[in-house]
Amino acid sequence: MAMLSLPFTVACVLCFTIGHVFTALSDSVAPPAPPAPALAPPAPPAVAPPAPPAPPAVAPSAPLLTVDDIIIPVAME
């Protein structure tokens, strides 16, 4: 198993080293980047239209049931 992993280790080290060398060479030879274009002034914030009025609250026609409304009549039977 050790004999099989040695060639892979050597290949990985060589590829890693060669990749770094080529990256360093290409970075040193690359032309300078062009200047960035001037930024336009920011647009004014958009004004949202006013929200429509909320509908009127409607009172419930009957009172809501509670736990006592259900349990007490059942217990009394």
C-alpha atoms as a PDB file:
ATOM      1  CA  MET A   1       0.000   0.000   0.000  1.00  0.00           C
ATOM      2  CA  ALA A   2       2.881   2.380   0.771  1.00  0.00           C
ATOM      3  CA  MET A   3       4.358   1.825  -2.682  1.00  0.00           C
ATOM      4  CA  LEU A   4       1.081   2.791  -4.307  1.00  0.00           C
ATOM      5  CA  SER A   5       0.616   6.011  -2.343  1.00  0.00           C
ATOM      6  CA  LEU A   6       4.137   7.346  -3.004  1.00  0.00           C
ATOM      7  CA  PRO A   7       3.594   8.110  -6.727  1.00  0.00           C
ATOM      8  CA  PHE A   8       0.308   9.849  -5.945  1.00  0.00           C
ATOM      9  CA  THR A   9       1.963  11.927  -3.231  1.00  0.00           C
ATOM     10  CA  VAL A  10       4.784  12.963  -5.576  1.00  0.00           C
ATOM     11  CA  ALA A  11       2.306  13.824  -8.321  1.00  0.00           C
ATOM     12  CA  CYS A  12       0.228  15.959  -5.944  1.00  0.00           C
ATOM     13  CA  VAL A  13       3.263  17.854  -4.671  1.00  0.00           C
ATOM     14  CA  LEU A  14       4.515  18.483  -8.221  1.00  0.00           C
ATOM     15  CA  CYS A  15       1.149  19.683  -9.490  1.00  0.00           C
ATOM     16  CA  PHE A  16       0.682  21.933  -6.476  1.00  0.00           C
ATOM     17  CA  THR A  17       4.157  23.452  -6.906  1.00  0.00           C
ATOM     18  CA  ILE A  18       3.848  23.895 -10.671  1.00  0.00           C
ATOM     19  CA  GLY A  19       0.421  25.498 -10.241  1.00  0.00           C
ATOM     20  CA  HIS A  20       1.801  28.040  -7.794  1.00  0.00           C
ATOM     21  CA  VAL A  21       4.757  28.847 -10.056  1.00  0.00           C
ATOM     22  CA  PHE A  22       2.540  29.436 -13.093  1.00  0.00           C
ATOM     23  CA  THR A  23       0.111  31.520 -11.043  1.00  0.00           C
ATOM     24  CA  ALA A  24       2.936  33.710  -9.756  1.00  0.00           C
ATOM     25  CA  LEU A  25       4.360  34.135 -13.271  1.00  0.00           C
ATOM     26  CA  SER A  26       1.015  34.992 -14.835  1.00  0.00           C
ATOM     27  CA  ASP A  27       0.240  37.514 -12.078  1.00  0.00           C
ATOM     28  CA  SER A  28       3.577  39.263 -12.583  1.00  0.00           C
ATOM     29  CA  VAL A  29       3.177  39.418 -16.407  1.00  0.00           C
ATOM     30  CA  ALA A  30      -0.510  40.349 -16.513  1.00  0.00           C
ATOM     31  CA  PRO A  31      -1.297  43.863 -17.806  1.00  0.00           C
ATOM     32  CA  PRO A  32      -2.661  46.342 -15.297  1.00  0.00           C
ATOM     33  CA  ALA A  33      -6.418  46.477 -14.958  1.00  0.00           C
ATOM     34  CA  PRO A  34      -8.190  49.416 -16.612  1.00  0.00           C
ATOM     35  CA  PRO A  35      -9.421  52.143 -14.269  1.00  0.00           C
ATOM     36  CA  ALA A  36     -12.883  51.650 -12.884  1.00  0.00           C
ATOM     37  CA  PRO A  37     -15.618  53.791 -14.464  1.00  0.00           C
ATOM     38  CA  ALA A  38     -16.983  56.653 -12.408  1.00  0.00           C
ATOM     39  CA  LEU A  39     -20.045  55.741 -10.443  1.00  0.00           C
ATOM     40  CA  ALA A  40     -23.297  57.506 -11.180  1.00  0.00           C
ATOM     41  CA  PRO A  41     -24.901  59.362  -8.279  1.00  0.00           C
ATOM     42  CA  PRO A  42     -27.402  57.222  -6.403  1.00  0.00           C
ATOM     43  CA  ALA A  43     -31.004  57.461  -7.501  1.00  0.00           C
ATOM     44  CA  PRO A  44     -33.410  59.168  -5.113  1.00  0.00           C
ATOM     45  CA  PRO A  45     -35.370  56.730  -2.974  1.00  0.00           C
ATOM     46  CA  ALA A  46     -38.676  55.639  -4.423  1.00  0.00           C
ATOM     47  CA  VAL A  47     -41.694  56.889  -2.549  1.00  0.00           C
ATOM     48  CA  ALA A  48     -44.233  54.169  -1.885  1.00  0.00           C
ATOM     49  CA  PRO A  49     -47.873  55.027  -2.514  1.00  0.00           C
ATOM     50  CA  PRO A  50     -49.940  55.473   0.624  1.00  0.00           C
ATOM     51  CA  ALA A  51     -51.485  52.306   1.982  1.00  0.00           C
ATOM     52  CA  PRO A  52     -55.233  51.923   1.514  1.00  0.00           C
ATOM     53  CA  PRO A  53     -57.292  52.516   4.638  1.00  0.00           C
ATOM     54  CA  ALA A  54     -57.875  49.470   6.811  1.00  0.00           C
ATOM     55  CA  PRO A  55     -61.351  47.971   6.682  1.00  0.00           C
ATOM     56  CA  PRO A  56     -63.482  48.714   9.749  1.00  0.00           C
ATOM     57  CA  ALA A  57     -63.342  46.142  12.511  1.00  0.00           C
ATOM     58  CA  VAL A  58     -66.460  43.994  12.656  1.00  0.00           C
ATOM     59  CA  ALA A  59     -67.724  42.876  16.045  1.00  0.00           C
ATOM     60  CA  PRO A  60     -68.474  39.153  16.270  1.00  0.00           C
ATOM     61  CA  SER A  61     -72.179  38.373  16.154  1.00  0.00           C
ATOM     62  CA  ALA A  62     -71.932  35.816  18.970  1.00  0.00           C
ATOM     63  CA  PRO A  63     -69.490  35.576  21.878  1.00  0.00           C
ATOM     64  CA  LEU A  64     -66.634  33.155  21.375  1.00  0.00           C
ATOM     65  CA  LEU A  65     -66.798  29.802  23.152  1.00  0.00           C
ATOM     66  CA  THR A  66     -64.395  29.096  25.979  1.00  0.00           C
ATOM     67  CA  VAL A  67     -63.298  25.830  27.517  1.00  0.00           C
ATOM     68  CA  ASP A  68     -65.742  26.326  30.396  1.00  0.00           C
ATOM     69  CA  ASP A  69     -68.655  26.685  27.976  1.00  0.00           C
ATOM     70  CA  ILE A  70     -67.956  23.175  26.704  1.00  0.00           C
ATOM     71  CA  ILE A  71     -66.706  21.290  29.787  1.00  0.00           C
ATOM     72  CA  ILE A  72     -69.237  22.436  32.414  1.00  0.00           C
ATOM     73  CA  PRO A  73     -72.420  21.422  30.506  1.00  0.00           C
ATOM     74  CA  VAL A  74     -70.924  18.022  29.696  1.00  0.00           C
ATOM     75  CA  ALA A  75     -69.957  17.440  33.333  1.00  0.00           C
ATOM     76  CA  MET A  76     -73.440  18.378  34.531  1.00  0.00           C
ATOM     77  CA  GLU A  77     -75.183  15.710  32.401  1.00  0.00           C
END
